[in-house]
Structure formats: structure tokens, C-alpha cells
Protein backbone atom coordinates (compact mmCIF):
# COMPACT_ATOMS: atom_id res chain seq x y z
CA UNK A 1 -0.07 0.13 -0.15
CA UNK A 2 2.90 2.54 0.92
CA UNK A 3 4.93 1.53 -1.79
CA UNK A 4 1.71 2.21 -4.08
CA UNK A 5 0.78 5.78 -2.77
CA UNK A 6 4.65 7.02 -3.76
CA UNK A 7 4.68 5.38 -6.88
CA UNK A 8 1.48 7.62 -7.95
CA UNK A 9 3.43 10.48 -6.33
CA UNK A 10 6.03 10.20 -8.45
CA UNK A 11 3.71 9.20 -11.51
CA UNK A 12 1.83 12.74 -11.24
CA UNK A 13 5.50 14.54 -12.23
CA UNK A 14 7.35 11.82 -14.20
CA UNK A 15 5.71 11.26 -17.57
CA UNK A 16 7.62 10.19 -20.62
CA UNK A 17 8.12 11.64 -24.48
CA UNK A 18 9.51 10.26 -27.72
CA UNK A 19 12.52 11.91 -26.90
CA UNK A 20 12.60 11.54 -23.54
CA UNK A 21 11.21 7.80 -22.11
CA UNK A 22 10.81 7.34 -19.09
CA UNK A 23 13.20 4.54 -17.84
CA UNK A 24 10.30 2.69 -14.99
CA UNK A 25 11.63 0.43 -12.56
CA UNK A 26 10.04 -3.04 -10.94
CA UNK A 27 11.17 -5.15 -8.42
CA UNK A 28 9.68 -7.95 -7.21
CA UNK A 29 11.03 -10.81 -5.14
CA UNK A 30 13.15 -12.87 -7.70
CA UNK A 31 13.73 -10.48 -10.71
CA UNK A 32 14.77 -6.41 -11.18
CA UNK A 33 11.75 -4.69 -14.78
CA UNK A 34 13.32 -2.53 -16.44
CA UNK A 35 10.95 -0.23 -19.30
CA UNK A 36 11.96 2.45 -21.32
CA UNK A 37 7.71 4.01 -22.45
CA UNK A 38 6.78 6.76 -24.11
CA UNK A 39 3.84 8.08 -22.52
CA UNK A 40 2.42 10.50 -25.28
CA UNK A 41 2.06 7.38 -27.93
CA UNK A 42 1.42 4.27 -24.28
CA UNK A 43 3.52 2.77 -26.03
CA UNK A 44 6.44 0.30 -24.20
CA UNK A 45 10.12 1.16 -26.35
CA UNK A 46 12.08 -1.97 -25.24
CA UNK A 47 12.20 -3.69 -21.37
CA UNK A 48 14.03 -6.78 -19.53
CA UNK A 49 14.20 -7.90 -17.06
CA UNK A 50 17.04 -10.45 -14.83
CA UNK A 51 18.07 -10.68 -11.55
CA UNK A 52 21.18 -9.07 -11.52
CA UNK A 53 20.74 -5.29 -11.65
CA UNK A 54 24.06 -4.16 -13.36
CA UNK A 55 23.57 -6.16 -15.95
CA UNK A 56 19.64 -4.91 -16.86
CA UNK A 57 20.79 -1.22 -16.14
CA UNK A 58 23.41 -2.13 -18.93
CA UNK A 59 22.12 -3.37 -21.67
CA UNK A 60 18.63 -1.48 -20.91
CA UNK A 61 21.15 2.01 -21.71
CA UNK A 62 23.01 -0.29 -24.75
CA UNK A 63 19.99 -0.88 -25.89
CA UNK A 64 18.64 2.25 -25.44
CA UNK A 65 21.90 4.21 -27.56
CA UNK A 66 21.86 1.87 -30.18
CA UNK A 67 17.95 3.46 -30.96
CA UNK A 68 19.03 7.24 -30.87
CA UNK A 69 18.17 7.49 -26.78
CA UNK A 70 20.28 8.94 -24.83
CA UNK A 71 17.71 10.93 -22.21
CA UNK A 72 15.05 9.07 -19.77
CA UNK A 73 13.58 10.61 -17.00
CA UNK A 74 13.89 8.20 -13.94
CA UNK A 75 10.88 6.33 -12.53
CA UNK A 76 11.94 4.11 -9.34
CA UNK A 77 8.44 2.70 -9.15
CA UNK A 78 7.71 3.81 -5.55
CA UNK A 79 10.59 1.83 -4.84
CA UNK A 80 13.60 3.75 -2.40
CA UNK A 81 16.95 4.52 -3.91
CA UNK A 82 19.25 2.05 -2.15
CA UNK A 83 20.64 -1.17 -3.10
CA UNK A 84 19.58 -2.54 -6.68
CA UNK A 85 17.34 0.40 -7.21
CA UNK A 86 20.76 2.31 -7.30
CA UNK A 87 22.41 -0.35 -8.79
CA UNK A 88 20.21 -0.18 -11.54
CA UNK A 89 20.53 3.38 -12.06
CA UNK A 90 24.28 3.63 -11.38
CA UNK A 91 25.24 1.27 -13.97
CA UNK A 92 22.48 3.04 -16.49
CA UNK A 93 24.40 6.87 -16.62
CA UNK A 94 27.88 4.36 -16.20
CA UNK A 95 26.48 2.92 -19.73
CA UNK A 96 25.72 6.21 -21.18
CA UNK A 97 22.33 7.40 -19.64
CA UNK A 98 21.27 10.92 -18.59
CA UNK A 99 18.83 11.63 -15.55
């Protein structure tokens, strides 16, 4: 319940466009999932699912750079910015994404 409230507060302020898509993160007990979403069209550009945060961050960043995307808006999905979420973001930044 608390995570959903935090996520709704974040989503009220964060929206993705074609030039700067939303980098959305979801964390389950087993996996991390990440997506790049264009909210103006309501379309997921691409997504990934892994159990290693650093590999997933690098994978999403390389796929985004191949598609010509360098800037994104980070949506942590109501999760606290620590641990795996922070590692995912750091790996994406090291691989060239700006947010």
C-alpha cells in the first residue's frame, strides 16, 4: 500500500516523451524489471528482466543508445533509491544514459 502511494506521487510528476522516455523500474522478490516507455503514445519501447541489477542497467542503456536515446526520466516505481534500484541506475548512467 505504501509503495503504491509513493508510486502514484512520482507518476503525477514524471512523464516520458519520444525524445526523453520514462525509465521505469519494478522490483519483485526474484527479479528486477526495467522498461523505457513513451507515455505520449502509451507504448513500451523496450524492456528487460534479470536478477542482476548492474547487467540489466547496462543492457537497457546499450539498447537505448542503439535506438538513439541518450536522455531518460527515471521512475523508481515507489521503491526506495537504494540497493538494487540504485545499482541499476548507476549502471545505466555509466553506460551513457543521462537522467
